[in-house]
Amino acid sequence: MEESAVIKSLAALAQPLRLRIFRALVVAGPQGMTPGDLAVALDAAATTLSFHLKELTHADLVTQERDGRHLIYRAAFDHMDGLLGYLTEHCCQGQPCAPTVDSSTGKPARKRACVTC
């Protein structure tokens, strides 16, 4: 992923309502949501939502599809996976992350040694 695309995506998510929109679309999964559904779910005005959906679309974080008279917005999971991959590319100096061991039980702990895992 190009650094400019990473910056554009992170900048788009660095706004509270946009982050909430994106998270709602992630939860909705492949079926996506209409702007009306998003407006109700997030208690946001349609005009405000439209502006932020446009910004997320320009950052390639959201896709838009027309279904008759409705627009369906979906999280762009491939793009987000690429963004997360870019951010964690050199995690643990390229080595697989190992879980930490709970010293009292000798079993793997929930928390991993690497903060990104």
N, C-alpha and C. Protein backbone atom coordinates (compact mmCIF):
# COMPACT_ATOMS: atom_id res chain seq x y z
N MET A 1 0.86 -1.17 0.00
CA MET A 1 0.00 0.00 0.00
C MET A 1 0.90 1.23 0.00
N GLU A 2 0.52 2.18 -0.78
CA GLU A 2 1.28 3.44 -0.88
C GLU A 2 1.11 4.26 0.40
N GLU A 3 2.17 4.92 0.80
CA GLU A 3 2.12 5.75 2.00
C GLU A 3 1.05 6.83 1.90
N SER A 4 0.88 7.41 0.70
CA SER A 4 -0.13 8.46 0.54
C SER A 4 -1.54 7.93 0.78
N ALA A 5 -1.81 6.68 0.39
CA ALA A 5 -3.12 6.07 0.62
C ALA A 5 -3.32 5.81 2.12
N VAL A 6 -2.26 5.43 2.80
CA VAL A 6 -2.33 5.19 4.25
C VAL A 6 -2.66 6.49 4.97
N ILE A 7 -1.98 7.55 4.60
CA ILE A 7 -2.22 8.86 5.23
C ILE A 7 -3.64 9.33 4.97
N LYS A 8 -4.10 9.16 3.76
CA LYS A 8 -5.47 9.56 3.39
C LYS A 8 -6.50 8.78 4.21
N SER A 9 -6.28 7.49 4.36
CA SER A 9 -7.21 6.65 5.12
C SER A 9 -7.22 7.00 6.60
N LEU A 10 -6.03 7.15 7.16
CA LEU A 10 -5.95 7.49 8.58
C LEU A 10 -6.54 8.87 8.85
N ALA A 11 -6.32 9.80 7.96
CA ALA A 11 -6.88 11.14 8.12
C ALA A 11 -8.41 11.09 8.07
N ALA A 12 -8.95 10.25 7.20
CA ALA A 12 -10.41 10.12 7.10
C ALA A 12 -11.00 9.55 8.38
N LEU A 13 -10.30 8.63 9.01
CA LEU A 13 -10.80 8.01 10.23
C LEU A 13 -10.56 8.87 11.47
N ALA A 14 -9.77 9.92 11.34
CA ALA A 14 -9.42 10.77 12.48
C ALA A 14 -10.48 11.83 12.74
N GLN A 15 -11.72 11.44 12.65
CA GLN A 15 -12.85 12.33 12.91
C GLN A 15 -13.91 11.45 13.58
N PRO A 16 -14.44 11.87 14.72
CA PRO A 16 -15.33 10.98 15.49
C PRO A 16 -16.51 10.38 14.73
N LEU A 17 -17.25 11.18 13.99
CA LEU A 17 -18.42 10.64 13.30
C LEU A 17 -18.00 9.70 12.18
N ARG A 18 -16.93 10.03 11.47
CA ARG A 18 -16.46 9.13 10.41
C ARG A 18 -16.04 7.79 10.98
N LEU A 19 -15.38 7.82 12.11
CA LEU A 19 -14.97 6.57 12.75
C LEU A 19 -16.20 5.76 13.16
N ARG A 20 -17.20 6.43 13.70
CA ARG A 20 -18.44 5.74 14.08
C ARG A 20 -19.15 5.17 12.86
N ILE A 21 -19.16 5.91 11.75
CA ILE A 21 -19.77 5.42 10.51
C ILE A 21 -19.04 4.17 10.04
N PHE A 22 -17.72 4.25 9.99
CA PHE A 22 -16.95 3.11 9.52
C PHE A 22 -17.18 1.89 10.40
N ARG A 23 -17.17 2.07 11.70
CA ARG A 23 -17.39 0.95 12.61
C ARG A 23 -18.79 0.36 12.44
N ALA A 24 -19.79 1.21 12.21
CA ALA A 24 -21.15 0.71 11.97
C ALA A 24 -21.20 -0.13 10.69
N LEU A 25 -20.47 0.31 9.68
CA LEU A 25 -20.45 -0.44 8.42
C LEU A 25 -19.68 -1.76 8.58
N VAL A 26 -18.67 -1.77 9.41
CA VAL A 26 -17.95 -3.03 9.69
C VAL A 26 -18.91 -4.01 10.35
N VAL A 27 -19.67 -3.54 11.32
CA VAL A 27 -20.63 -4.40 12.02
C VAL A 27 -21.70 -4.90 11.05
N ALA A 28 -22.15 -4.04 10.14
CA ALA A 28 -23.18 -4.42 9.17
C ALA A 28 -22.70 -5.51 8.23
N GLY A 29 -21.40 -5.57 8.02
CA GLY A 29 -20.85 -6.61 7.15
C GLY A 29 -21.16 -6.40 5.68
N PRO A 30 -21.17 -7.48 4.91
CA PRO A 30 -21.33 -7.37 3.46
C PRO A 30 -22.67 -6.80 3.01
N GLN A 31 -23.70 -6.88 3.85
CA GLN A 31 -24.99 -6.34 3.44
C GLN A 31 -24.98 -4.81 3.41
N GLY A 32 -24.10 -4.19 4.20
CA GLY A 32 -23.98 -2.74 4.20
C GLY A 32 -25.18 -2.06 4.83
N MET A 33 -25.22 -0.75 4.66
CA MET A 33 -26.31 0.06 5.21
C MET A 33 -26.64 1.21 4.27
N THR A 34 -27.87 1.63 4.30
CA THR A 34 -28.26 2.83 3.55
C THR A 34 -27.96 4.05 4.41
N PRO A 35 -27.87 5.22 3.79
CA PRO A 35 -27.67 6.43 4.58
C PRO A 35 -28.78 6.64 5.62
N GLY A 36 -29.99 6.28 5.27
CA GLY A 36 -31.09 6.41 6.23
C GLY A 36 -30.89 5.54 7.45
N ASP A 37 -30.48 4.30 7.22
CA ASP A 37 -30.21 3.39 8.34
C ASP A 37 -29.07 3.92 9.21
N LEU A 38 -28.03 4.43 8.56
CA LEU A 38 -26.90 4.99 9.30
C LEU A 38 -27.34 6.21 10.12
N ALA A 39 -28.17 7.06 9.52
CA ALA A 39 -28.64 8.27 10.21
C ALA A 39 -29.39 7.90 11.48
N VAL A 40 -30.22 6.88 11.39
CA VAL A 40 -30.98 6.44 12.57
C VAL A 40 -30.04 5.81 13.60
N ALA A 41 -29.18 4.92 13.14
CA ALA A 41 -28.29 4.20 14.05
C ALA A 41 -27.32 5.13 14.78
N LEU A 42 -26.87 6.19 14.08
CA LEU A 42 -25.86 7.08 14.65
C LEU A 42 -26.45 8.41 15.14
N ASP A 43 -27.76 8.57 14.98
CA ASP A 43 -28.42 9.81 15.37
C ASP A 43 -27.71 11.01 14.75
N ALA A 44 -27.55 10.96 13.42
CA ALA A 44 -26.84 12.01 12.69
C ALA A 44 -27.74 12.56 11.58
N ALA A 45 -27.59 13.83 11.29
CA ALA A 45 -28.35 14.46 10.21
C ALA A 45 -27.89 13.91 8.86
N ALA A 46 -28.83 13.76 7.94
CA ALA A 46 -28.54 13.19 6.62
C ALA A 46 -27.48 13.99 5.87
N THR A 47 -27.54 15.32 5.93
CA THR A 47 -26.56 16.13 5.21
C THR A 47 -25.16 15.95 5.79
N THR A 48 -25.06 15.88 7.10
CA THR A 48 -23.77 15.66 7.75
C THR A 48 -23.24 14.29 7.37
N LEU A 49 -24.11 13.30 7.39
CA LEU A 49 -23.73 11.93 7.05
C LEU A 49 -23.24 11.85 5.61
N SER A 50 -23.92 12.53 4.73
CA SER A 50 -23.53 12.53 3.32
C SER A 50 -22.11 13.05 3.12
N PHE A 51 -21.78 14.14 3.79
CA PHE A 51 -20.44 14.71 3.71
C PHE A 51 -19.39 13.70 4.18
N HIS A 52 -19.64 13.07 5.32
CA HIS A 52 -18.66 12.14 5.88
C HIS A 52 -18.56 10.85 5.08
N LEU A 53 -19.66 10.38 4.53
CA LEU A 53 -19.62 9.19 3.67
C LEU A 53 -18.80 9.48 2.41
N LYS A 54 -18.92 10.69 1.90
CA LYS A 54 -18.12 11.07 0.74
C LYS A 54 -16.63 11.04 1.07
N GLU A 55 -16.27 11.55 2.24
CA GLU A 55 -14.87 11.55 2.66
C GLU A 55 -14.34 10.12 2.83
N LEU A 56 -15.13 9.26 3.43
CA LEU A 56 -14.72 7.86 3.60
C LEU A 56 -14.61 7.14 2.26
N THR A 57 -15.48 7.48 1.33
CA THR A 57 -15.44 6.89 -0.01
C THR A 57 -14.19 7.35 -0.74
N HIS A 58 -13.86 8.63 -0.67
CA HIS A 58 -12.65 9.17 -1.31
C HIS A 58 -11.38 8.56 -0.72
N ALA A 59 -11.44 8.15 0.53
CA ALA A 59 -10.28 7.52 1.18
C ALA A 59 -10.26 6.01 0.93
N ASP A 60 -11.19 5.51 0.11
CA ASP A 60 -11.29 4.09 -0.24
C ASP A 60 -11.61 3.19 0.94
N LEU A 61 -12.16 3.74 2.01
CA LEU A 61 -12.54 2.94 3.17
C LEU A 61 -13.95 2.40 3.06
N VAL A 62 -14.75 3.03 2.18
CA VAL A 62 -16.15 2.68 2.03
C VAL A 62 -16.47 2.58 0.55
N THR A 63 -17.30 1.61 0.20
CA THR A 63 -17.78 1.52 -1.18
C THR A 63 -19.26 1.89 -1.20
N GLN A 64 -19.70 2.28 -2.38
CA GLN A 64 -21.08 2.71 -2.56
C GLN A 64 -21.65 1.96 -3.75
N GLU A 65 -22.87 1.45 -3.59
CA GLU A 65 -23.54 0.73 -4.68
C GLU A 65 -24.99 1.17 -4.73
N ARG A 66 -25.48 1.37 -5.93
CA ARG A 66 -26.89 1.73 -6.08
C ARG A 66 -27.71 0.46 -6.17
N ASP A 67 -28.79 0.40 -5.40
CA ASP A 67 -29.73 -0.71 -5.42
C ASP A 67 -31.12 -0.11 -5.62
N GLY A 68 -31.51 0.02 -6.87
CA GLY A 68 -32.77 0.70 -7.17
C GLY A 68 -32.66 2.17 -6.83
N ARG A 69 -33.52 2.62 -5.93
CA ARG A 69 -33.48 4.02 -5.51
C ARG A 69 -32.56 4.25 -4.31
N HIS A 70 -32.01 3.21 -3.78
CA HIS A 70 -31.21 3.32 -2.57
C HIS A 70 -29.72 3.19 -2.85
N LEU A 71 -28.94 3.86 -2.02
CA LEU A 71 -27.49 3.68 -2.04
C LEU A 71 -27.14 2.78 -0.86
N ILE A 72 -26.28 1.82 -1.12
CA ILE A 72 -25.82 0.93 -0.07
C ILE A 72 -24.33 1.21 0.13
N TYR A 73 -23.96 1.49 1.35
CA TYR A 73 -22.57 1.72 1.71
C TYR A 73 -22.05 0.51 2.45
N ARG A 74 -20.82 0.13 2.13
CA ARG A 74 -20.18 -1.01 2.77
C ARG A 74 -18.75 -0.64 3.16
N ALA A 75 -18.27 -1.22 4.23
CA ALA A 75 -16.86 -1.05 4.60
C ALA A 75 -16.03 -1.77 3.55
N ALA A 76 -14.93 -1.15 3.14
CA ALA A 76 -14.01 -1.75 2.17
C ALA A 76 -13.00 -2.58 2.96
N PHE A 77 -13.36 -3.82 3.24
CA PHE A 77 -12.54 -4.68 4.08
C PHE A 77 -11.17 -4.94 3.48
N ASP A 78 -11.09 -5.09 2.17
CA ASP A 78 -9.78 -5.32 1.54
C ASP A 78 -8.84 -4.14 1.78
N HIS A 79 -9.39 -2.94 1.65
CA HIS A 79 -8.56 -1.75 1.87
C HIS A 79 -8.14 -1.66 3.34
N MET A 80 -9.07 -1.93 4.24
CA MET A 80 -8.74 -1.86 5.66
C MET A 80 -7.72 -2.92 6.03
N ASP A 81 -7.84 -4.12 5.45
CA ASP A 81 -6.84 -5.15 5.70
C ASP A 81 -5.46 -4.70 5.21
N GLY A 82 -5.43 -4.04 4.06
CA GLY A 82 -4.17 -3.52 3.54
C GLY A 82 -3.59 -2.45 4.44
N LEU A 83 -4.45 -1.61 4.97
CA LEU A 83 -4.02 -0.55 5.89
C LEU A 83 -3.44 -1.16 7.17
N LEU A 84 -4.15 -2.12 7.73
CA LEU A 84 -3.65 -2.77 8.95
C LEU A 84 -2.36 -3.53 8.67
N GLY A 85 -2.28 -4.14 7.51
CA GLY A 85 -1.05 -4.84 7.13
C GLY A 85 0.12 -3.88 7.02
N TYR A 86 -0.12 -2.72 6.44
CA TYR A 86 0.93 -1.70 6.32
C TYR A 86 1.40 -1.26 7.70
N LEU A 87 0.45 -1.04 8.61
CA LEU A 87 0.79 -0.55 9.94
C LEU A 87 1.52 -1.59 10.78
N THR A 88 1.27 -2.86 10.53
CA THR A 88 1.87 -3.91 11.35
C THR A 88 2.92 -4.73 10.58
N GLU A 89 3.32 -4.24 9.43
CA GLU A 89 4.23 -4.97 8.55
C GLU A 89 5.52 -5.42 9.22
N HIS A 90 6.07 -4.60 10.06
CA HIS A 90 7.35 -4.93 10.68
C HIS A 90 7.18 -5.23 12.17
N CYS A 91 6.01 -5.69 12.52
CA CYS A 91 5.70 -6.05 13.90
C CYS A 91 6.69 -7.11 14.39
N CYS A 92 7.16 -6.95 15.59
CA CYS A 92 8.07 -7.92 16.21
C CYS A 92 9.29 -8.19 15.34
N GLN A 93 9.76 -7.18 14.66
CA GLN A 93 10.95 -7.27 13.80
C GLN A 93 10.83 -8.39 12.78
N GLY A 94 9.60 -8.59 12.27
CA GLY A 94 9.38 -9.58 11.23
C GLY A 94 9.21 -11.00 11.73
N GLN A 95 9.30 -11.21 13.02
CA GLN A 95 9.17 -12.55 13.60
C GLN A 95 7.72 -12.79 14.03
N PRO A 96 7.28 -14.04 14.02
CA PRO A 96 5.91 -14.32 14.51
C PRO A 96 5.80 -13.91 15.98
N CYS A 97 4.69 -13.35 16.33
CA CYS A 97 4.47 -12.92 17.71
C CYS A 97 4.09 -14.13 18.55
N ALA A 98 4.72 -14.27 19.67
CA ALA A 98 4.44 -15.39 20.57
C ALA A 98 3.62 -14.90 21.75
N PRO A 99 2.69 -15.71 22.21
CA PRO A 99 1.94 -15.30 23.40
C PRO A 99 2.85 -15.34 24.62
N THR A 100 2.57 -14.49 25.57
CA THR A 100 3.33 -14.53 26.82
C THR A 100 2.82 -15.70 27.65
N VAL A 101 3.63 -16.13 28.58
CA VAL A 101 3.26 -17.26 29.43
C VAL A 101 2.94 -16.73 30.82
N ASP A 102 1.83 -17.19 31.37
CA ASP A 102 1.44 -16.82 32.73
C ASP A 102 2.36 -17.59 33.67
N SER A 103 3.17 -16.87 34.43
CA SER A 103 4.17 -17.52 35.28
C SER A 103 3.54 -18.37 36.38
N SER A 104 2.33 -18.06 36.79
CA SER A 104 1.70 -18.83 37.88
C SER A 104 1.12 -20.16 37.39
N THR A 105 0.71 -20.22 36.11
CA THR A 105 0.10 -21.45 35.59
C THR A 105 0.96 -22.14 34.55
N GLY A 106 1.89 -21.41 33.95
CA GLY A 106 2.70 -21.97 32.88
C GLY A 106 1.97 -22.07 31.56
N LYS A 107 0.75 -21.55 31.51
CA LYS A 107 -0.06 -21.59 30.30
C LYS A 107 0.03 -20.26 29.58
N PRO A 108 -0.27 -20.26 28.26
CA PRO A 108 -0.26 -18.99 27.53
C PRO A 108 -1.24 -18.00 28.15
N ALA A 109 -0.77 -16.77 28.31
CA ALA A 109 -1.62 -15.71 28.86
C ALA A 109 -2.45 -15.12 27.75
N ARG A 110 -3.48 -14.41 28.12
CA ARG A 110 -4.32 -13.76 27.13
C ARG A 110 -3.56 -12.67 26.39
N LYS A 111 -2.75 -11.95 27.12
CA LYS A 111 -1.99 -10.85 26.52
C LYS A 111 -0.77 -11.39 25.81
N ARG A 112 -0.50 -10.87 24.63
CA ARG A 112 0.65 -11.30 23.87
C ARG A 112 1.82 -10.35 24.13
N ALA A 113 3.01 -10.81 23.84
CA ALA A 113 4.20 -9.99 24.04
C ALA A 113 4.16 -8.77 23.13
N CYS A 114 3.55 -8.91 22.00
CA CYS A 114 3.48 -7.83 21.02
C CYS A 114 2.19 -7.05 21.21
N VAL A 115 2.27 -5.76 21.28
CA VAL A 115 1.07 -4.95 21.51
C VAL A 115 0.16 -4.91 20.30
N THR A 116 0.64 -5.27 19.11
CA THR A 116 -0.20 -5.21 17.92
C THR A 116 -0.95 -6.49 17.66
N CYS A 117 -0.68 -7.53 18.41
CA CYS A 117 -1.34 -8.83 18.15
C CYS A 117 -2.54 -9.02 19.04
